[in-house]
């Protein structure tokens, strides 16, 4: 697996290209040349990826991750909050309950696709997106049904704990997607 490392300007401790020149974002090699170095490194280890194909994978992964970030922020802080302020509680709860499986499927598919696309580009980003996808399965298949069961049973304390866990997972997804966006954006 190829690992991408961002080195501060003027820091020559980073990896070196075959000709001995520093590779990642040093004073000797500006950030706009990072992509070309990345492509040369991948080509040098036997991957059959063209420069154009690699660029398409990088940009597509970045766009899908941005969609994941924006969609998650919009759902968590926009849609859900709006539903509970615009509708009575008797209507808002069932609507949110119906919407969550679709939201989780969106997160699962976008994180998985973006993660697969950036596997050869940035291992850390691929692992982060894979963790988002894995925790989404946990949230969709385990936590969401438990939250619904606690609501139906009137177990307020259990509902609060499970709901808090669900919120923390969603916030972690937002932070993880933001980190991936920044990492991939540096490479474009």
C-alpha atoms as a PDB file:
ATOM      1  CA  UNK A   1       0.000   0.000   0.000  1.00  0.00           C
ATOM      2  CA  UNK A   2       1.150   3.474  -0.769  1.00  0.00           C
ATOM      3  CA  UNK A   3       1.278   5.884   2.147  1.00  0.00           C
ATOM      4  CA  UNK A   4       0.945   9.602   1.592  1.00  0.00           C
ATOM      5  CA  UNK A   5       2.797  11.917   3.915  1.00  0.00           C
ATOM      6  CA  UNK A   6       2.448  15.674   3.976  1.00  0.00           C
ATOM      7  CA  UNK A   7       5.657  17.437   4.947  1.00  0.00           C
ATOM      8  CA  UNK A   8       5.810  21.066   5.978  1.00  0.00           C
ATOM      9  CA  UNK A   9       7.464  23.472   3.591  1.00  0.00           C
ATOM     10  CA  UNK A  10      11.227  23.357   3.986  1.00  0.00           C
ATOM     11  CA  UNK A  11      11.189  20.014   5.816  1.00  0.00           C
ATOM     12  CA  UNK A  12      13.430  17.606   3.903  1.00  0.00           C
ATOM     13  CA  UNK A  13      12.826  14.595   6.142  1.00  0.00           C
ATOM     14  CA  UNK A  14      10.090  13.234   3.856  1.00  0.00           C
ATOM     15  CA  UNK A  15      10.412  10.335   1.455  1.00  0.00           C
ATOM     16  CA  UNK A  16      12.664  10.781  -1.542  1.00  0.00           C
ATOM     17  CA  UNK A  17      11.958  10.131  -5.192  1.00  0.00           C
ATOM     18  CA  UNK A  18      14.196   7.707  -7.089  1.00  0.00           C
ATOM     19  CA  UNK A  19      16.432  10.639  -8.066  1.00  0.00           C
ATOM     20  CA  UNK A  20      16.873  11.586  -4.382  1.00  0.00           C
ATOM     21  CA  UNK A  21      14.665  14.703  -4.527  1.00  0.00           C
ATOM     22  CA  UNK A  22      12.141  15.200  -1.736  1.00  0.00           C
ATOM     23  CA  UNK A  23       8.624  14.172  -2.757  1.00  0.00           C
ATOM     24  CA  UNK A  24       5.859  15.606  -0.598  1.00  0.00           C
ATOM     25  CA  UNK A  25       5.269  19.360  -0.511  1.00  0.00           C
ATOM     26  CA  UNK A  26       8.768  20.559   0.363  1.00  0.00           C
ATOM     27  CA  UNK A  27      10.356  23.783  -0.782  1.00  0.00           C
ATOM     28  CA  UNK A  28      12.128  21.846  -3.539  1.00  0.00           C
ATOM     29  CA  UNK A  29       8.832  20.444  -4.816  1.00  0.00           C
ATOM     30  CA  UNK A  30       5.677  22.592  -4.515  1.00  0.00           C
ATOM     31  CA  UNK A  31       2.308  21.074  -3.611  1.00  0.00           C
ATOM     32  CA  UNK A  32       1.033  21.124  -7.204  1.00  0.00           C
ATOM     33  CA  UNK A  33       3.668  18.553  -8.087  1.00  0.00           C
ATOM     34  CA  UNK A  34       2.550  16.178  -5.335  1.00  0.00           C
ATOM     35  CA  UNK A  35       0.115  14.440  -7.664  1.00  0.00           C
ATOM     36  CA  UNK A  36       2.793  13.807 -10.292  1.00  0.00           C
ATOM     37  CA  UNK A  37       5.101  12.354  -7.632  1.00  0.00           C
ATOM     38  CA  UNK A  38       2.265  10.230  -6.293  1.00  0.00           C
ATOM     39  CA  UNK A  39       1.562   8.897  -9.764  1.00  0.00           C
ATOM     40  CA  UNK A  40       5.252   8.132 -10.315  1.00  0.00           C
ATOM     41  CA  UNK A  41       5.485   6.328  -6.971  1.00  0.00           C
ATOM     42  CA  UNK A  42       2.434   4.172  -7.709  1.00  0.00           C
ATOM     43  CA  UNK A  43       3.688   3.403 -11.211  1.00  0.00           C
ATOM     44  CA  UNK A  44       7.077   2.529  -9.705  1.00  0.00           C
ATOM     45  CA  UNK A  45       5.653  -0.208  -7.479  1.00  0.00           C
ATOM     46  CA  UNK A  46       3.971  -2.103 -10.280  1.00  0.00           C
ATOM     47  CA  UNK A  47       0.427  -0.774 -10.279  1.00  0.00           C
ATOM     48  CA  UNK A  48      -1.062  -0.414 -13.744  1.00  0.00           C
ATOM     49  CA  UNK A  49      -2.730   2.966 -13.197  1.00  0.00           C
ATOM     50  CA  UNK A  50      -2.443   5.714 -15.748  1.00  0.00           C
ATOM     51  CA  UNK A  51      -1.963   9.325 -14.688  1.00  0.00           C
ATOM     52  CA  UNK A  52      -5.419  10.199 -15.975  1.00  0.00           C
ATOM     53  CA  UNK A  53      -7.043   7.234 -14.209  1.00  0.00           C
ATOM     54  CA  UNK A  54      -5.339   8.100 -10.964  1.00  0.00           C
ATOM     55  CA  UNK A  55      -6.434  11.709 -11.199  1.00  0.00           C
ATOM     56  CA  UNK A  56     -10.024  10.621 -11.890  1.00  0.00           C
ATOM     57  CA  UNK A  57      -9.977   8.281  -8.861  1.00  0.00           C
ATOM     58  CA  UNK A  58      -8.568  11.026  -6.632  1.00  0.00           C
ATOM     59  CA  UNK A  59     -11.050  13.670  -7.756  1.00  0.00           C
ATOM     60  CA  UNK A  60     -14.028  11.292  -7.654  1.00  0.00           C
ATOM     61  CA  UNK A  61     -13.107  10.120  -4.159  1.00  0.00           C
ATOM     62  CA  UNK A  62     -12.773  13.744  -3.049  1.00  0.00           C
ATOM     63  CA  UNK A  63     -16.174  14.677  -4.516  1.00  0.00           C
ATOM     64  CA  UNK A  64     -17.937  11.657  -3.002  1.00  0.00           C
ATOM     65  CA  UNK A  65     -16.367  12.361   0.390  1.00  0.00           C
ATOM     66  CA  UNK A  66     -17.489  15.995   0.125  1.00  0.00           C
ATOM     67  CA  UNK A  67     -20.998  14.737  -0.673  1.00  0.00           C
ATOM     68  CA  UNK A  68     -20.807  12.455   2.379  1.00  0.00           C
ATOM     69  CA  UNK A  69     -19.687  15.354   4.587  1.00  0.00           C
ATOM     70  CA  UNK A  70     -22.316  17.778   3.293  1.00  0.00           C
ATOM     71  CA  UNK A  71     -25.131  15.237   3.349  1.00  0.00           C
ATOM     72  CA  UNK A  72     -24.350  14.165   6.886  1.00  0.00           C
ATOM     73  CA  UNK A  73     -24.123  17.742   8.150  1.00  0.00           C
ATOM     74  CA  UNK A  74     -27.348  18.688   6.373  1.00  0.00           C
ATOM     75  CA  UNK A  75     -29.237  15.680   7.731  1.00  0.00           C
ATOM     76  CA  UNK A  76     -27.941  15.950  11.299  1.00  0.00           C
ATOM     77  CA  UNK A  77     -28.147  19.709  11.773  1.00  0.00           C
ATOM     78  CA  UNK A  78     -30.719  20.696   9.166  1.00  0.00           C
ATOM     79  CA  UNK A  79     -33.343  18.089   8.385  1.00  0.00           C
ATOM     80  CA  UNK A  80     -33.659  16.391  11.774  1.00  0.00           C
ATOM     81  CA  UNK A  81     -33.724  19.701  13.671  1.00  0.00           C
ATOM     82  CA  UNK A  82     -36.230  21.172  11.211  1.00  0.00           C
ATOM     83  CA  UNK A  83     -38.595  18.194  11.445  1.00  0.00           C
ATOM     84  CA  UNK A  84     -38.758  18.420  15.233  1.00  0.00           C
ATOM     85  CA  UNK A  85     -39.385  22.191  15.188  1.00  0.00           C
ATOM     86  CA  UNK A  86     -41.870  22.210  12.283  1.00  0.00           C
ATOM     87  CA  UNK A  87     -43.979  19.177  13.182  1.00  0.00           C
ATOM     88  CA  UNK A  88     -45.662  18.029  16.371  1.00  0.00           C
ATOM     89  CA  UNK A  89     -43.779  15.305  18.251  1.00  0.00           C
ATOM     90  CA  UNK A  90     -46.391  12.693  17.296  1.00  0.00           C
ATOM     91  CA  UNK A  91     -45.613  13.278  13.599  1.00  0.00           C
ATOM     92  CA  UNK A  92     -41.908  14.115  13.809  1.00  0.00           C
ATOM     93  CA  UNK A  93     -40.854  10.876  15.525  1.00  0.00           C
ATOM     94  CA  UNK A  94     -42.343   8.500  12.941  1.00  0.00           C
ATOM     95  CA  UNK A  95     -41.015  10.639  10.063  1.00  0.00           C
ATOM     96  CA  UNK A  96     -37.467  10.585  11.436  1.00  0.00           C
ATOM     97  CA  UNK A  97     -37.801   6.846  12.092  1.00  0.00           C
ATOM     98  CA  UNK A  98     -38.663   6.299   8.408  1.00  0.00           C
ATOM     99  CA  UNK A  99     -35.888   8.589   7.165  1.00  0.00           C
ATOM    100  CA  UNK A 100     -32.984   7.136   9.161  1.00  0.00           C
ATOM    101  CA  UNK A 101     -32.572   3.866   7.218  1.00  0.00           C
ATOM    102  CA  UNK A 102     -32.243   5.866   3.981  1.00  0.00           C
ATOM    103  CA  UNK A 103     -29.757   8.244   5.591  1.00  0.00           C
ATOM    104  CA  UNK A 104     -27.631   5.368   6.863  1.00  0.00           C
ATOM    105  CA  UNK A 105     -27.694   3.704   3.429  1.00  0.00           C
ATOM    106  CA  UNK A 106     -26.478   6.974   1.863  1.00  0.00           C
ATOM    107  CA  UNK A 107     -23.608   7.166   4.375  1.00  0.00           C
ATOM    108  CA  UNK A 108     -22.721   3.491   3.901  1.00  0.00           C
ATOM    109  CA  UNK A 109     -22.658   3.641   0.093  1.00  0.00           C
ATOM    110  CA  UNK A 110     -20.826   6.952  -0.212  1.00  0.00           C
ATOM    111  CA  UNK A 111     -18.180   6.068   2.406  1.00  0.00           C
ATOM    112  CA  UNK A 112     -17.627   2.633   0.843  1.00  0.00           C
ATOM    113  CA  UNK A 113     -17.310   3.952  -2.698  1.00  0.00           C
ATOM    114  CA  UNK A 114     -15.001   6.816  -1.739  1.00  0.00           C
ATOM    115  CA  UNK A 115     -12.895   4.437   0.368  1.00  0.00           C
ATOM    116  CA  UNK A 116     -12.468   1.949  -2.477  1.00  0.00           C
ATOM    117  CA  UNK A 117     -11.492   4.737  -4.870  1.00  0.00           C
ATOM    118  CA  UNK A 118      -8.762   6.095  -2.614  1.00  0.00           C
ATOM    119  CA  UNK A 119      -7.197   2.774  -1.562  1.00  0.00           C
ATOM    120  CA  UNK A 120      -4.194   3.246  -3.851  1.00  0.00           C
ATOM    121  CA  UNK A 121      -4.012   6.980  -3.202  1.00  0.00           C
ATOM    122  CA  UNK A 122      -4.073   7.377   0.597  1.00  0.00           C
ATOM    123  CA  UNK A 123      -4.235   4.426   2.977  1.00  0.00           C
ATOM    124  CA  UNK A 124      -5.257   6.546   5.967  1.00  0.00           C
ATOM    125  CA  UNK A 125      -8.201   8.036   4.066  1.00  0.00           C
ATOM    126  CA  UNK A 126      -9.286   4.608   2.843  1.00  0.00           C
ATOM    127  CA  UNK A 127      -9.168   3.229   6.398  1.00  0.00           C
ATOM    128  CA  UNK A 128     -11.063   6.242   7.747  1.00  0.00           C
ATOM    129  CA  UNK A 129     -13.794   5.862   5.122  1.00  0.00           C
ATOM    130  CA  UNK A 130     -13.923   2.120   5.804  1.00  0.00           C
ATOM    131  CA  UNK A 131     -14.383   2.839   9.522  1.00  0.00           C
ATOM    132  CA  UNK A 132     -17.215   5.242   8.673  1.00  0.00           C
ATOM    133  CA  UNK A 133     -18.882   2.524   6.596  1.00  0.00           C
ATOM    134  CA  UNK A 134     -18.406  -0.130   9.303  1.00  0.00           C
ATOM    135  CA  UNK A 135     -19.786   2.048  12.098  1.00  0.00           C
ATOM    136  CA  UNK A 136     -22.722   2.960   9.854  1.00  0.00           C
ATOM    137  CA  UNK A 137     -23.634  -0.722   9.605  1.00  0.00           C
ATOM    138  CA  UNK A 138     -23.456  -0.904  13.417  1.00  0.00           C
ATOM    139  CA  UNK A 139     -25.635   2.208  13.760  1.00  0.00           C
ATOM    140  CA  UNK A 140     -28.175   1.057  11.162  1.00  0.00           C
ATOM    141  CA  UNK A 141     -28.483  -2.596  12.132  1.00  0.00           C
ATOM    142  CA  UNK A 142     -27.922  -2.540  15.907  1.00  0.00           C
ATOM    143  CA  UNK A 143     -28.263   0.913  17.455  1.00  0.00           C
ATOM    144  CA  UNK A 144     -31.226   2.218  15.411  1.00  0.00           C
ATOM    145  CA  UNK A 145     -33.465  -0.799  16.176  1.00  0.00           C
ATOM    146  CA  UNK A 146     -32.475  -0.554  19.865  1.00  0.00           C
ATOM    147  CA  UNK A 147     -33.359   3.172  19.903  1.00  0.00           C
ATOM    148  CA  UNK A 148     -36.723   2.391  18.309  1.00  0.00           C
ATOM    149  CA  UNK A 149     -37.398  -0.412  20.813  1.00  0.00           C
ATOM    150  CA  UNK A 150     -36.494   1.872  23.732  1.00  0.00           C
ATOM    151  CA  UNK A 151     -38.850   4.540  22.374  1.00  0.00           C
ATOM    152  CA  UNK A 152     -41.675   2.035  21.929  1.00  0.00           C
ATOM    153  CA  UNK A 153     -41.160   0.642  25.454  1.00  0.00           C
ATOM    154  CA  UNK A 154     -41.011   4.122  27.004  1.00  0.00           C
ATOM    155  CA  UNK A 155     -37.503   3.441  28.370  1.00  0.00           C
ATOM    156  CA  UNK A 156     -36.389   7.059  28.477  1.00  0.00           C
ATOM    157  CA  UNK A 157     -32.976   6.494  30.079  1.00  0.00           C
ATOM    158  CA  UNK A 158     -32.098   3.737  27.612  1.00  0.00           C
ATOM    159  CA  UNK A 159     -33.291   5.913  24.714  1.00  0.00           C
ATOM    160  CA  UNK A 160     -31.115   8.835  25.856  1.00  0.00           C
ATOM    161  CA  UNK A 161     -28.018   6.658  26.118  1.00  0.00           C
ATOM    162  CA  UNK A 162     -28.507   4.994  22.741  1.00  0.00           C
ATOM    163  CA  UNK A 163     -29.449   8.264  21.074  1.00  0.00           C
ATOM    164  CA  UNK A 164     -26.321   9.919  22.504  1.00  0.00           C
ATOM    165  CA  UNK A 165     -24.225   7.060  21.121  1.00  0.00           C
ATOM    166  CA  UNK A 166     -25.857   7.502  17.714  1.00  0.00           C
ATOM    167  CA  UNK A 167     -25.164  11.249  17.791  1.00  0.00           C
ATOM    168  CA  UNK A 168     -21.509  10.660  18.726  1.00  0.00           C
ATOM    169  CA  UNK A 169     -21.107   8.221  15.845  1.00  0.00           C
ATOM    170  CA  UNK A 170     -22.589  10.756  13.423  1.00  0.00           C
ATOM    171  CA  UNK A 171     -20.283  13.496  14.729  1.00  0.00           C
ATOM    172  CA  UNK A 172     -17.311  11.140  14.325  1.00  0.00           C
ATOM    173  CA  UNK A 173     -18.417  10.519  10.721  1.00  0.00           C
ATOM    174  CA  UNK A 174     -18.487  14.259  10.071  1.00  0.00           C
ATOM    175  CA  UNK A 175     -15.010  14.754  11.552  1.00  0.00           C
ATOM    176  CA  UNK A 176     -13.628  11.722   9.696  1.00  0.00           C
ATOM    177  CA  UNK A 177     -15.040  12.909   6.368  1.00  0.00           C
ATOM    178  CA  UNK A 178     -13.592  16.392   6.975  1.00  0.00           C
ATOM    179  CA  UNK A 179     -10.132  14.939   7.644  1.00  0.00           C
ATOM    180  CA  UNK A 180     -10.303  12.873   4.441  1.00  0.00           C
ATOM    181  CA  UNK A 181     -11.411  15.905   2.413  1.00  0.00           C
ATOM    182  CA  UNK A 182      -8.438  17.926   3.639  1.00  0.00           C
ATOM    183  CA  UNK A 183      -5.987  15.080   2.988  1.00  0.00           C
ATOM    184  CA  UNK A 184      -7.279  14.440  -0.546  1.00  0.00           C
ATOM    185  CA  UNK A 185      -7.593  18.143  -1.389  1.00  0.00           C
ATOM    186  CA  UNK A 186      -3.881  18.618  -0.758  1.00  0.00           C
ATOM    187  CA  UNK A 187      -3.154  16.045  -3.458  1.00  0.00           C
ATOM    188  CA  UNK A 188      -5.308  17.620  -6.188  1.00  0.00           C
END
